[in-house]
Amino acid sequence: MWARAFAGIVPGFLLSAGLVGLLTWALPGPWQGTIVAGIIAFFVVWIAVMGASFQFASGKRAWAWLSALAIVSLGALWVLQWLRWVE
């Protein structure tokens, strides 16, 4: 149980940051206009990810899946910034 809880906290935090970052940069207009809504949405998404981490069968699976998804979401943000599609 503790492994799944910490999986929701640590990689779940990074996954939530990546997902909210992708969402705020996908919206039209400058990203600075979505900062307050993004911060509020971040906590909602993070709580949802923490709750979802308890649906995994084991802590190892929770860490593996959430870490992999966090790497993908943050990697997508990095690629979009590297390609200069977002600033």
Protein backbone atom coordinates (compact mmCIF):
# COMPACT_ATOMS: atom_id res chain seq x y z
CA MET A 1 0.00 0.00 0.00
CA TRP A 2 2.78 2.45 0.86
CA ALA A 3 4.57 1.80 -2.44
CA ARG A 4 1.42 2.67 -4.37
CA ALA A 5 0.90 5.79 -2.25
CA PHE A 6 4.43 7.02 -2.90
CA ALA A 7 4.02 6.18 -6.58
CA GLY A 8 1.04 8.50 -6.65
CA ILE A 9 3.05 11.21 -4.91
CA VAL A 10 6.42 11.21 -6.69
CA PRO A 11 5.93 10.14 -10.32
CA GLY A 12 2.29 11.19 -10.03
CA PHE A 13 3.45 14.74 -9.36
CA LEU A 14 5.61 14.70 -12.49
CA LEU A 15 2.86 13.11 -14.57
CA SER A 16 0.36 15.72 -13.41
CA ALA A 17 2.80 18.52 -14.22
CA GLY A 18 3.35 17.11 -17.70
CA LEU A 19 -0.34 16.65 -18.43
CA VAL A 20 -1.31 20.11 -17.22
CA GLY A 21 1.64 21.60 -19.10
CA LEU A 22 0.52 19.95 -22.32
CA LEU A 23 -3.03 21.17 -21.74
CA THR A 24 -2.06 24.78 -21.03
CA TRP A 25 0.20 24.95 -24.06
CA ALA A 26 -2.51 23.40 -26.26
CA LEU A 27 -4.95 26.18 -25.46
CA PRO A 28 -5.00 29.19 -27.80
CA GLY A 29 -3.25 32.33 -26.72
CA PRO A 30 -0.20 32.84 -24.53
CA TRP A 31 0.43 30.30 -21.79
CA GLN A 32 0.76 33.11 -19.23
CA GLY A 33 -2.98 33.63 -19.43
CA THR A 34 -3.64 30.08 -18.23
CA ILE A 35 -1.25 30.01 -15.28
CA VAL A 36 -3.85 30.37 -12.51
CA ALA A 37 -6.24 27.86 -14.08
CA GLY A 38 -3.30 25.53 -14.70
CA ILE A 39 -2.21 25.64 -11.06
CA ILE A 40 -5.73 24.86 -9.89
CA ALA A 41 -6.10 22.08 -12.46
CA PHE A 42 -2.73 20.66 -11.44
CA PHE A 43 -3.91 19.86 -7.92
CA VAL A 44 -7.11 18.27 -9.22
CA VAL A 45 -5.17 16.10 -11.68
CA TRP A 46 -2.57 15.19 -9.03
CA ILE A 47 -5.26 14.05 -6.58
CA ALA A 48 -6.87 11.98 -9.36
CA VAL A 49 -3.52 10.36 -10.20
CA MET A 50 -2.88 9.62 -6.53
CA GLY A 51 -6.27 7.96 -6.28
CA ALA A 52 -5.70 6.01 -9.46
CA SER A 53 -2.36 4.72 -8.18
CA PHE A 54 -4.26 2.49 -5.74
CA GLN A 55 -5.94 0.70 -8.65
CA PHE A 56 -2.69 -1.04 -9.59
CA ALA A 57 -2.14 -4.59 -8.42
CA SER A 58 1.25 -3.84 -6.86
CA GLY A 59 3.53 -0.98 -6.00
CA LYS A 60 6.02 -2.02 -8.67
CA ARG A 61 3.39 -1.76 -11.38
CA ALA A 62 2.24 1.61 -10.08
CA TRP A 63 5.80 2.94 -10.07
CA ALA A 64 6.51 1.51 -13.52
CA TRP A 65 3.37 2.83 -15.22
CA LEU A 66 3.31 6.24 -13.56
CA SER A 67 7.03 6.75 -14.13
CA ALA A 68 6.76 5.76 -17.79
CA LEU A 69 3.77 8.05 -18.33
CA ALA A 70 5.56 10.91 -16.58
CA ILE A 71 8.60 10.45 -18.81
CA VAL A 72 6.39 10.43 -21.90
CA SER A 73 4.45 13.56 -20.89
CA LEU A 74 7.52 15.54 -19.89
CA GLY A 75 9.35 14.27 -22.98
CA ALA A 76 6.49 15.49 -25.15
CA LEU A 77 6.76 18.92 -23.54
CA TRP A 78 10.50 18.96 -24.15
CA VAL A 79 10.07 17.93 -27.82
CA LEU A 80 7.42 20.59 -28.41
CA GLN A 81 9.69 23.21 -26.91
CA TRP A 82 12.72 21.95 -28.85
CA LEU A 83 10.73 22.13 -32.10
CA ARG A 84 9.67 25.69 -31.14
CA TRP A 85 6.00 24.78 -31.47
CA VAL A 86 5.43 26.24 -28.02
CA GLU A 87 7.27 28.93 -26.11
